[in-house]
Amino acid sequence: MLSIFTRRVIAYIADFFVVSAIMWIVSFICYYLFNPYNMFKIYSYFIYIVPILIMVYFVICEKYKGATVGDALLYLQIRQYNGDYITWKQAIVRNLTKIYWFPIIFDWAIGKIIKKDDRILNIITKTLVIDELQ
């Protein structure tokens, strides 16, 4: 059986592929709608579009379903300490470090440094990841 940390990492990688697929679809649509004559110009806007789509994906999935696609595949749920679904504010704050994929490493490292076994934004928002298999 995989540890919850390993499953969270695998879920995060799966979410990366889901967001990448969404980005491919968005870029295809934007290319044909806004800029069919200069196809590479659309990529200059991705630095603004990607963080928005990442936040929308994670926040909506975690707020309404309690899990992203990756989390659901690995039987993980995001909840408040009392077991309720998370609020909009909690969903937004806990996902701030996921905007460009790499700041989450610092989020996790700070949590380890202060001797907590979780990400610092999970501690701040009073949320936790629940293992549905237990």
N, C-alpha and C. Protein backbone atom coordinates (compact mmCIF):
# COMPACT_ATOMS: atom_id res chain seq x y z
N MET A 1 0.83 -1.19 0.00
CA MET A 1 0.00 0.00 0.00
C MET A 1 0.87 1.25 0.00
N LEU A 2 0.54 2.20 -0.84
CA LEU A 2 1.29 3.44 -0.94
C LEU A 2 0.95 4.37 0.22
N SER A 3 1.93 5.15 0.64
CA SER A 3 1.68 6.12 1.70
C SER A 3 0.80 7.23 1.15
N ILE A 4 0.17 7.97 2.05
CA ILE A 4 -0.70 9.06 1.62
C ILE A 4 0.11 10.15 0.90
N PHE A 5 1.35 10.38 1.34
CA PHE A 5 2.20 11.37 0.67
C PHE A 5 2.47 10.95 -0.78
N THR A 6 2.81 9.69 -0.98
CA THR A 6 3.07 9.19 -2.34
C THR A 6 1.83 9.30 -3.20
N ARG A 7 0.69 8.97 -2.65
CA ARG A 7 -0.56 9.08 -3.39
C ARG A 7 -0.89 10.53 -3.72
N ARG A 8 -0.57 11.46 -2.81
CA ARG A 8 -0.80 12.88 -3.09
C ARG A 8 0.09 13.36 -4.22
N VAL A 9 1.33 12.90 -4.26
CA VAL A 9 2.25 13.28 -5.35
C VAL A 9 1.74 12.72 -6.68
N ILE A 10 1.32 11.47 -6.69
CA ILE A 10 0.80 10.85 -7.91
C ILE A 10 -0.47 11.59 -8.36
N ALA A 11 -1.33 11.94 -7.42
CA ALA A 11 -2.55 12.68 -7.74
C ALA A 11 -2.20 14.04 -8.34
N TYR A 12 -1.19 14.69 -7.81
CA TYR A 12 -0.77 15.99 -8.32
C TYR A 12 -0.26 15.87 -9.74
N ILE A 13 0.49 14.80 -10.03
CA ILE A 13 1.00 14.57 -11.38
C ILE A 13 -0.17 14.30 -12.33
N ALA A 14 -1.14 13.51 -11.88
CA ALA A 14 -2.33 13.24 -12.70
C ALA A 14 -3.08 14.55 -12.99
N ASP A 15 -3.18 15.41 -11.99
CA ASP A 15 -3.84 16.72 -12.19
C ASP A 15 -3.07 17.58 -13.18
N PHE A 16 -1.76 17.46 -13.19
CA PHE A 16 -0.94 18.18 -14.16
C PHE A 16 -1.36 17.78 -15.58
N PHE A 17 -1.56 16.49 -15.80
CA PHE A 17 -1.97 16.03 -17.13
C PHE A 17 -3.39 16.49 -17.48
N VAL A 18 -4.27 16.52 -16.50
CA VAL A 18 -5.64 17.00 -16.75
C VAL A 18 -5.61 18.47 -17.13
N VAL A 19 -4.87 19.28 -16.38
CA VAL A 19 -4.78 20.72 -16.69
C VAL A 19 -4.09 20.92 -18.03
N SER A 20 -3.09 20.11 -18.34
CA SER A 20 -2.42 20.21 -19.64
C SER A 20 -3.39 19.92 -20.77
N ALA A 21 -4.24 18.93 -20.60
CA ALA A 21 -5.24 18.61 -21.62
C ALA A 21 -6.23 19.77 -21.79
N ILE A 22 -6.62 20.36 -20.67
CA ILE A 22 -7.51 21.53 -20.74
C ILE A 22 -6.82 22.68 -21.47
N MET A 23 -5.55 22.88 -21.18
CA MET A 23 -4.79 23.94 -21.85
C MET A 23 -4.68 23.68 -23.34
N TRP A 24 -4.52 22.44 -23.74
CA TRP A 24 -4.44 22.12 -25.16
C TRP A 24 -5.75 22.51 -25.84
N ILE A 25 -6.86 22.18 -25.22
CA ILE A 25 -8.17 22.52 -25.78
C ILE A 25 -8.35 24.03 -25.85
N VAL A 26 -8.00 24.73 -24.78
CA VAL A 26 -8.12 26.19 -24.75
C VAL A 26 -7.24 26.82 -25.82
N SER A 27 -6.01 26.35 -25.97
CA SER A 27 -5.12 26.93 -26.98
C SER A 27 -5.65 26.68 -28.39
N PHE A 28 -6.22 25.50 -28.62
CA PHE A 28 -6.79 25.18 -29.92
C PHE A 28 -7.95 26.12 -30.24
N ILE A 29 -8.83 26.32 -29.27
CA ILE A 29 -9.97 27.22 -29.46
C ILE A 29 -9.51 28.66 -29.65
N CYS A 30 -8.60 29.11 -28.81
CA CYS A 30 -8.09 30.49 -28.93
C CYS A 30 -7.40 30.72 -30.26
N TYR A 31 -6.67 29.73 -30.71
CA TYR A 31 -5.98 29.86 -31.99
C TYR A 31 -6.96 30.14 -33.12
N TYR A 32 -8.02 29.36 -33.19
CA TYR A 32 -8.98 29.52 -34.28
C TYR A 32 -9.91 30.73 -34.11
N LEU A 33 -10.18 31.11 -32.89
CA LEU A 33 -11.07 32.25 -32.67
C LEU A 33 -10.38 33.59 -32.78
N PHE A 34 -9.17 33.68 -32.23
CA PHE A 34 -8.55 34.99 -32.08
C PHE A 34 -7.37 35.26 -33.00
N ASN A 35 -6.69 34.23 -33.44
CA ASN A 35 -5.45 34.51 -34.15
C ASN A 35 -5.10 33.44 -35.17
N PRO A 36 -5.91 33.21 -36.17
CA PRO A 36 -5.62 32.13 -37.11
C PRO A 36 -4.44 32.42 -38.05
N TYR A 37 -4.00 33.66 -38.18
CA TYR A 37 -2.95 33.99 -39.13
C TYR A 37 -1.56 34.05 -38.51
N ASN A 38 -1.49 34.16 -37.20
CA ASN A 38 -0.20 34.20 -36.52
C ASN A 38 -0.25 33.20 -35.38
N MET A 39 -0.05 31.94 -35.68
CA MET A 39 -0.35 30.88 -34.73
C MET A 39 0.49 30.90 -33.46
N PHE A 40 1.70 31.40 -33.48
CA PHE A 40 2.54 31.35 -32.29
C PHE A 40 2.31 32.53 -31.35
N LYS A 41 1.61 33.53 -31.79
CA LYS A 41 1.33 34.71 -30.96
C LYS A 41 0.49 34.34 -29.74
N ILE A 42 -0.40 33.36 -29.86
CA ILE A 42 -1.28 32.97 -28.76
C ILE A 42 -0.49 32.48 -27.55
N TYR A 43 0.68 31.88 -27.79
CA TYR A 43 1.47 31.34 -26.68
C TYR A 43 2.02 32.43 -25.77
N SER A 44 2.12 33.65 -26.24
CA SER A 44 2.60 34.74 -25.39
C SER A 44 1.57 35.09 -24.31
N TYR A 45 0.32 34.68 -24.49
CA TYR A 45 -0.71 34.95 -23.50
C TYR A 45 -0.83 33.84 -22.45
N PHE A 46 -0.17 32.74 -22.66
CA PHE A 46 -0.31 31.60 -21.75
C PHE A 46 0.20 31.89 -20.35
N ILE A 47 1.15 32.79 -20.20
CA ILE A 47 1.64 33.11 -18.87
C ILE A 47 0.53 33.71 -18.00
N TYR A 48 -0.49 34.25 -18.64
CA TYR A 48 -1.63 34.81 -17.93
C TYR A 48 -2.79 33.82 -17.84
N ILE A 49 -2.96 33.03 -18.86
CA ILE A 49 -4.08 32.09 -18.92
C ILE A 49 -3.86 30.87 -18.04
N VAL A 50 -2.65 30.33 -18.03
CA VAL A 50 -2.36 29.10 -17.27
C VAL A 50 -2.67 29.23 -15.79
N PRO A 51 -2.19 30.26 -15.09
CA PRO A 51 -2.50 30.34 -13.65
C PRO A 51 -4.00 30.44 -13.37
N ILE A 52 -4.71 31.14 -14.24
CA ILE A 52 -6.16 31.27 -14.05
C ILE A 52 -6.83 29.92 -14.20
N LEU A 53 -6.47 29.18 -15.23
CA LEU A 53 -7.08 27.86 -15.44
C LEU A 53 -6.71 26.88 -14.34
N ILE A 54 -5.48 26.95 -13.86
CA ILE A 54 -5.06 26.06 -12.76
C ILE A 54 -5.89 26.35 -11.51
N MET A 55 -6.02 27.63 -11.18
CA MET A 55 -6.81 27.99 -9.99
C MET A 55 -8.27 27.58 -10.15
N VAL A 56 -8.83 27.85 -11.32
CA VAL A 56 -10.23 27.49 -11.55
C VAL A 56 -10.41 25.98 -11.41
N TYR A 57 -9.53 25.19 -12.01
CA TYR A 57 -9.62 23.74 -11.93
C TYR A 57 -9.58 23.24 -10.49
N PHE A 58 -8.53 23.61 -9.76
CA PHE A 58 -8.37 23.12 -8.40
C PHE A 58 -9.46 23.62 -7.47
N VAL A 59 -9.78 24.90 -7.55
CA VAL A 59 -10.77 25.49 -6.64
C VAL A 59 -12.16 24.89 -6.88
N ILE A 60 -12.58 24.82 -8.12
CA ILE A 60 -13.92 24.28 -8.39
C ILE A 60 -14.01 22.80 -8.03
N CYS A 61 -13.02 22.02 -8.41
CA CYS A 61 -13.05 20.58 -8.08
C CYS A 61 -13.07 20.36 -6.57
N GLU A 62 -12.21 21.06 -5.84
CA GLU A 62 -12.14 20.84 -4.40
C GLU A 62 -13.35 21.42 -3.67
N LYS A 63 -13.90 22.51 -4.16
CA LYS A 63 -15.06 23.11 -3.51
C LYS A 63 -16.31 22.25 -3.70
N TYR A 64 -16.56 21.82 -4.92
CA TYR A 64 -17.81 21.11 -5.20
C TYR A 64 -17.74 19.61 -4.99
N LYS A 65 -16.61 18.99 -5.27
CA LYS A 65 -16.50 17.54 -5.16
C LYS A 65 -15.60 17.07 -4.02
N GLY A 66 -14.84 17.99 -3.44
CA GLY A 66 -13.94 17.62 -2.36
C GLY A 66 -12.67 16.95 -2.85
N ALA A 67 -12.47 16.91 -4.17
CA ALA A 67 -11.28 16.27 -4.73
C ALA A 67 -11.12 16.67 -6.18
N THR A 68 -9.88 16.69 -6.63
CA THR A 68 -9.61 16.88 -8.05
C THR A 68 -9.69 15.50 -8.71
N VAL A 69 -9.49 15.46 -10.01
CA VAL A 69 -9.51 14.19 -10.73
C VAL A 69 -8.43 13.25 -10.18
N GLY A 70 -7.23 13.78 -10.00
CA GLY A 70 -6.13 12.97 -9.45
C GLY A 70 -6.42 12.46 -8.06
N ASP A 71 -6.97 13.32 -7.21
CA ASP A 71 -7.34 12.91 -5.85
C ASP A 71 -8.38 11.81 -5.88
N ALA A 72 -9.39 11.98 -6.71
CA ALA A 72 -10.47 10.99 -6.78
C ALA A 72 -9.95 9.64 -7.27
N LEU A 73 -9.04 9.65 -8.23
CA LEU A 73 -8.46 8.40 -8.73
C LEU A 73 -7.69 7.65 -7.65
N LEU A 74 -7.14 8.38 -6.71
CA LEU A 74 -6.34 7.77 -5.64
C LEU A 74 -7.07 7.77 -4.31
N TYR A 75 -8.37 7.97 -4.34
CA TYR A 75 -9.24 7.89 -3.15
C TYR A 75 -8.82 8.85 -2.04
N LEU A 76 -8.58 10.10 -2.43
CA LEU A 76 -8.26 11.15 -1.47
C LEU A 76 -9.35 12.20 -1.50
N GLN A 77 -9.62 12.82 -0.36
CA GLN A 77 -10.63 13.88 -0.25
C GLN A 77 -10.03 15.04 0.53
N ILE A 78 -10.43 16.26 0.19
CA ILE A 78 -10.02 17.45 0.92
C ILE A 78 -11.19 17.90 1.77
N ARG A 79 -10.96 18.05 3.06
CA ARG A 79 -12.02 18.41 3.99
C ARG A 79 -11.50 19.42 5.02
N GLN A 80 -12.46 20.08 5.68
CA GLN A 80 -12.14 20.90 6.84
C GLN A 80 -11.85 19.96 8.01
N TYR A 81 -11.29 20.51 9.07
CA TYR A 81 -11.00 19.68 10.25
C TYR A 81 -12.24 19.01 10.80
N ASN A 82 -13.41 19.66 10.67
CA ASN A 82 -14.64 19.07 11.21
C ASN A 82 -15.31 18.08 10.25
N GLY A 83 -14.70 17.86 9.07
CA GLY A 83 -15.22 16.88 8.12
C GLY A 83 -16.09 17.45 7.02
N ASP A 84 -16.44 18.74 7.11
CA ASP A 84 -17.26 19.38 6.08
C ASP A 84 -16.43 19.65 4.82
N TYR A 85 -17.14 19.88 3.70
CA TYR A 85 -16.45 20.33 2.49
C TYR A 85 -15.82 21.69 2.76
N ILE A 86 -14.76 22.02 2.02
CA ILE A 86 -14.07 23.27 2.25
C ILE A 86 -14.86 24.44 1.67
N THR A 87 -14.59 25.64 2.18
CA THR A 87 -15.25 26.85 1.71
C THR A 87 -14.50 27.41 0.50
N TRP A 88 -15.10 28.41 -0.15
CA TRP A 88 -14.43 29.06 -1.27
C TRP A 88 -13.09 29.65 -0.84
N LYS A 89 -13.09 30.33 0.29
CA LYS A 89 -11.86 30.97 0.78
C LYS A 89 -10.78 29.94 1.02
N GLN A 90 -11.13 28.84 1.68
CA GLN A 90 -10.15 27.78 1.93
C GLN A 90 -9.64 27.18 0.62
N ALA A 91 -10.53 26.97 -0.34
CA ALA A 91 -10.13 26.39 -1.62
C ALA A 91 -9.16 27.30 -2.36
N ILE A 92 -9.42 28.59 -2.33
CA ILE A 92 -8.54 29.53 -3.02
C ILE A 92 -7.19 29.61 -2.34
N VAL A 93 -7.18 29.80 -1.03
CA VAL A 93 -5.91 29.97 -0.31
C VAL A 93 -5.05 28.72 -0.37
N ARG A 94 -5.65 27.53 -0.18
CA ARG A 94 -4.84 26.31 -0.14
C ARG A 94 -4.25 25.97 -1.51
N ASN A 95 -4.77 26.58 -2.58
CA ASN A 95 -4.27 26.28 -3.92
C ASN A 95 -3.39 27.38 -4.50
N LEU A 96 -3.06 28.39 -3.73
CA LEU A 96 -2.22 29.49 -4.24
C LEU A 96 -0.86 29.01 -4.71
N THR A 97 -0.27 28.05 -4.04
CA THR A 97 1.07 27.59 -4.43
C THR A 97 1.05 26.66 -5.63
N LYS A 98 -0.11 26.30 -6.11
CA LYS A 98 -0.20 25.41 -7.28
C LYS A 98 -0.24 26.17 -8.59
N ILE A 99 -0.24 27.49 -8.55
CA ILE A 99 -0.42 28.29 -9.74
C ILE A 99 0.61 27.98 -10.82
N TYR A 100 1.87 27.90 -10.48
CA TYR A 100 2.91 27.60 -11.48
C TYR A 100 3.59 26.27 -11.21
N TRP A 101 2.96 25.36 -10.54
CA TRP A 101 3.37 23.98 -10.27
C TRP A 101 4.56 23.84 -9.32
N PHE A 102 5.57 24.65 -9.35
CA PHE A 102 6.74 24.41 -8.50
C PHE A 102 6.68 25.04 -7.11
N PRO A 103 5.94 26.13 -6.81
CA PRO A 103 5.94 26.68 -5.45
C PRO A 103 5.38 25.72 -4.40
N ILE A 104 4.69 24.69 -4.82
CA ILE A 104 4.14 23.73 -3.86
C ILE A 104 5.25 23.01 -3.11
N ILE A 105 6.42 22.92 -3.71
CA ILE A 105 7.57 22.29 -3.03
C ILE A 105 7.92 23.10 -1.79
N PHE A 106 7.91 24.42 -1.90
CA PHE A 106 8.21 25.28 -0.75
C PHE A 106 7.09 25.21 0.29
N ASP A 107 5.86 25.11 -0.18
CA ASP A 107 4.70 24.96 0.71
C ASP A 107 4.86 23.71 1.57
N TRP A 108 5.23 22.61 0.94
CA TRP A 108 5.43 21.35 1.66
C TRP A 108 6.66 21.43 2.58
N ALA A 109 7.76 22.01 2.07
CA ALA A 109 9.01 22.10 2.85
C ALA A 109 8.83 22.94 4.11
N ILE A 110 8.11 24.05 4.01
CA ILE A 110 7.87 24.89 5.19
C ILE A 110 7.06 24.11 6.22
N GLY A 111 6.08 23.35 5.76
CA GLY A 111 5.32 22.50 6.67
C GLY A 111 6.20 21.49 7.38
N LYS A 112 7.16 20.92 6.68
CA LYS A 112 8.10 19.97 7.29
C LYS A 112 9.03 20.67 8.28
N ILE A 113 9.49 21.86 7.93
CA ILE A 113 10.41 22.60 8.79
C ILE A 113 9.76 22.92 10.13
N ILE A 114 8.48 23.28 10.12
CA ILE A 114 7.82 23.61 11.38
C ILE A 114 7.25 22.36 12.07
N LYS A 115 7.72 21.20 11.62
CA LYS A 115 7.40 19.91 12.25
C LYS A 115 5.93 19.50 12.14
N LYS A 116 5.29 19.93 11.08
CA LYS A 116 3.94 19.47 10.77
C LYS A 116 4.07 18.52 9.60
N ASP A 117 3.21 17.55 9.52
CA ASP A 117 3.30 16.59 8.43
C ASP A 117 2.32 16.94 7.32
N ASP A 118 2.29 18.22 6.96
CA ASP A 118 1.36 18.68 5.93
C ASP A 118 1.89 19.97 5.31
N ARG A 119 1.26 20.40 4.23
CA ARG A 119 1.61 21.66 3.60
C ARG A 119 1.23 22.82 4.53
N ILE A 120 1.98 23.90 4.47
CA ILE A 120 1.72 25.05 5.33
C ILE A 120 0.35 25.67 5.01
N LEU A 121 -0.06 25.69 3.74
CA LEU A 121 -1.36 26.28 3.41
C LEU A 121 -2.52 25.41 3.89
N ASN A 122 -2.31 24.12 4.01
CA ASN A 122 -3.35 23.27 4.62
C ASN A 122 -3.48 23.60 6.11
N ILE A 123 -2.37 23.86 6.74
CA ILE A 123 -2.39 24.22 8.17
C ILE A 123 -3.07 25.57 8.36
N ILE A 124 -2.72 26.54 7.53
CA ILE A 124 -3.30 27.88 7.63
C ILE A 124 -4.81 27.84 7.40
N THR A 125 -5.25 27.08 6.40
CA THR A 125 -6.68 27.03 6.06
C THR A 125 -7.46 26.01 6.88
N LYS A 126 -6.77 25.28 7.74
CA LYS A 126 -7.40 24.26 8.58
C LYS A 126 -8.15 23.22 7.73
N THR A 127 -7.43 22.74 6.72
CA THR A 127 -7.96 21.68 5.87
C THR A 127 -7.02 20.49 5.94
N LEU A 128 -7.52 19.35 5.55
CA LEU A 128 -6.68 18.17 5.53
C LEU A 128 -7.10 17.25 4.40
N VAL A 129 -6.18 16.35 4.05
CA VAL A 129 -6.44 15.38 3.01
C VAL A 129 -6.78 14.07 3.69
N ILE A 130 -7.96 13.54 3.36
CA ILE A 130 -8.47 12.34 4.00
C ILE A 130 -8.26 11.15 3.07
N ASP A 131 -7.79 10.07 3.61
CA ASP A 131 -7.63 8.83 2.89
C ASP A 131 -8.95 8.07 2.93
N GLU A 132 -9.62 7.93 1.80
CA GLU A 132 -10.92 7.25 1.75
C GLU A 132 -10.79 5.74 1.92
N LEU A 133 -9.59 5.21 1.78
CA LEU A 133 -9.40 3.76 1.89
C LEU A 133 -9.35 3.29 3.34
N GLN A 134 -9.25 4.21 4.27
CA GLN A 134 -9.19 3.80 5.70
C GLN A 134 -10.55 3.87 6.33
